[in-house]
Amino acid sequence: MAPKAKKSYPLRIHEDILTAMKRWSDDELRSLNGQIEYVLRDALRRAGRLREHPPEIIETEEQKK
């Protein structure tokens, strides 16, 4: 199954929040975009608003025997 395509979205954000996110992303060795996505995904997961799909189980020929 191919991963879903990412969509571009212009984001207007207060400078102090952007600066804090940049510092946090540097600490976590992530890009700023990756950090924002991580924080949003975590918030959605905690709020029960993110529908996650269980990992796909792939059987090898050895397991099928």
C-alpha atoms as a PDB file:
ATOM      1  CA  MET A   1       0.000   0.000   0.000  1.00  0.00           C
ATOM      2  CA  ALA A   2       1.522   3.346  -1.052  1.00  0.00           C
ATOM      3  CA  PRO A   3       1.700   6.111   1.551  1.00  0.00           C
ATOM      4  CA  LYS A   4      -0.796   8.940   1.190  1.00  0.00           C
ATOM      5  CA  ALA A   5       0.450  12.007  -0.634  1.00  0.00           C
ATOM      6  CA  LYS A   6       1.161  15.080   1.434  1.00  0.00           C
ATOM      7  CA  LYS A   7      -0.677  18.274   0.591  1.00  0.00           C
ATOM      8  CA  SER A   8       0.693  21.781   0.804  1.00  0.00           C
ATOM      9  CA  TYR A   9      -1.106  24.218   3.075  1.00  0.00           C
ATOM     10  CA  PRO A  10      -0.062  27.812   3.762  1.00  0.00           C
ATOM     11  CA  LEU A  11       0.068  28.387   7.503  1.00  0.00           C
ATOM     12  CA  ARG A  12      -0.050  31.776   9.163  1.00  0.00           C
ATOM     13  CA  ILE A  13       1.417  31.519  12.655  1.00  0.00           C
ATOM     14  CA  HIS A  14       2.531  33.915  15.366  1.00  0.00           C
ATOM     15  CA  GLU A  15       6.251  34.599  15.339  1.00  0.00           C
ATOM     16  CA  ASP A  16       6.780  33.490  18.947  1.00  0.00           C
ATOM     17  CA  ILE A  17       5.117  30.126  18.273  1.00  0.00           C
ATOM     18  CA  LEU A  18       7.157  29.648  15.109  1.00  0.00           C
ATOM     19  CA  THR A  19      10.387  30.473  16.965  1.00  0.00           C
ATOM     20  CA  ALA A  20       9.542  27.999  19.742  1.00  0.00           C
ATOM     21  CA  MET A  21       8.686  25.296  17.207  1.00  0.00           C
ATOM     22  CA  LYS A  22      11.973  25.913  15.379  1.00  0.00           C
ATOM     23  CA  ARG A  23      13.952  25.531  18.633  1.00  0.00           C
ATOM     24  CA  TRP A  24      12.025  22.360  19.460  1.00  0.00           C
ATOM     25  CA  SER A  25      12.585  20.908  15.991  1.00  0.00           C
ATOM     26  CA  ASP A  26      16.308  21.632  16.279  1.00  0.00           C
ATOM     27  CA  ASP A  27      16.399  19.840  19.660  1.00  0.00           C
ATOM     28  CA  GLU A  28      14.589  16.817  18.181  1.00  0.00           C
ATOM     29  CA  LEU A  29      16.725  16.827  14.993  1.00  0.00           C
ATOM     30  CA  ARG A  30      13.613  17.211  12.828  1.00  0.00           C
ATOM     31  CA  SER A  31      12.762  19.709  10.129  1.00  0.00           C
ATOM     32  CA  LEU A  32      10.387  22.467  11.187  1.00  0.00           C
ATOM     33  CA  ASN A  33       7.697  21.005   8.931  1.00  0.00           C
ATOM     34  CA  GLY A  34       8.281  17.526  10.384  1.00  0.00           C
ATOM     35  CA  GLN A  35       8.012  18.881  13.940  1.00  0.00           C
ATOM     36  CA  ILE A  36       4.757  20.719  13.227  1.00  0.00           C
ATOM     37  CA  GLU A  37       3.312  17.566  11.650  1.00  0.00           C
ATOM     38  CA  TYR A  38       4.504  15.470  14.627  1.00  0.00           C
ATOM     39  CA  VAL A  39       2.874  17.822  17.150  1.00  0.00           C
ATOM     40  CA  LEU A  40      -0.391  17.983  15.190  1.00  0.00           C
ATOM     41  CA  ARG A  41      -0.512  14.180  14.770  1.00  0.00           C
ATOM     42  CA  ASP A  42       0.154  13.667  18.498  1.00  0.00           C
ATOM     43  CA  ALA A  43      -2.605  16.141  19.446  1.00  0.00           C
ATOM     44  CA  LEU A  44      -5.060  14.463  17.061  1.00  0.00           C
ATOM     45  CA  ARG A  45      -4.175  11.016  18.409  1.00  0.00           C
ATOM     46  CA  ARG A  46      -4.644  12.141  22.030  1.00  0.00           C
ATOM     47  CA  ALA A  47      -8.013  13.709  21.199  1.00  0.00           C
ATOM     48  CA  GLY A  48      -9.167  10.530  19.471  1.00  0.00           C
ATOM     49  CA  ARG A  49      -9.592  12.365  16.167  1.00  0.00           C
ATOM     50  CA  LEU A  50      -7.010  10.516  14.091  1.00  0.00           C
ATOM     51  CA  ARG A  51      -8.149   7.365  12.358  1.00  0.00           C
ATOM     52  CA  GLU A  52      -5.083   5.169  12.285  1.00  0.00           C
ATOM     53  CA  HIS A  53      -4.842   2.039  10.239  1.00  0.00           C
ATOM     54  CA  PRO A  54      -3.257  -1.017  11.872  1.00  0.00           C
ATOM     55  CA  PRO A  55       0.019  -2.097  10.270  1.00  0.00           C
ATOM     56  CA  GLU A  56      -0.411  -4.423   7.326  1.00  0.00           C
ATOM     57  CA  ILE A  57       0.754  -7.964   8.053  1.00  0.00           C
ATOM     58  CA  ILE A  58       2.647  -9.534   5.197  1.00  0.00           C
ATOM     59  CA  GLU A  59       3.184 -13.276   5.275  1.00  0.00           C
ATOM     60  CA  THR A  60       6.280 -14.733   3.670  1.00  0.00           C
ATOM     61  CA  GLU A  61       6.210 -18.048   1.830  1.00  0.00           C
ATOM     62  CA  GLU A  62       7.994 -19.574   4.827  1.00  0.00           C
ATOM     63  CA  GLN A  63       5.196 -18.473   7.197  1.00  0.00           C
ATOM     64  CA  LYS A  64       2.472 -19.795   4.888  1.00  0.00           C
ATOM     65  CA  LYS A  65       3.817 -23.377   5.181  1.00  0.00           C
END
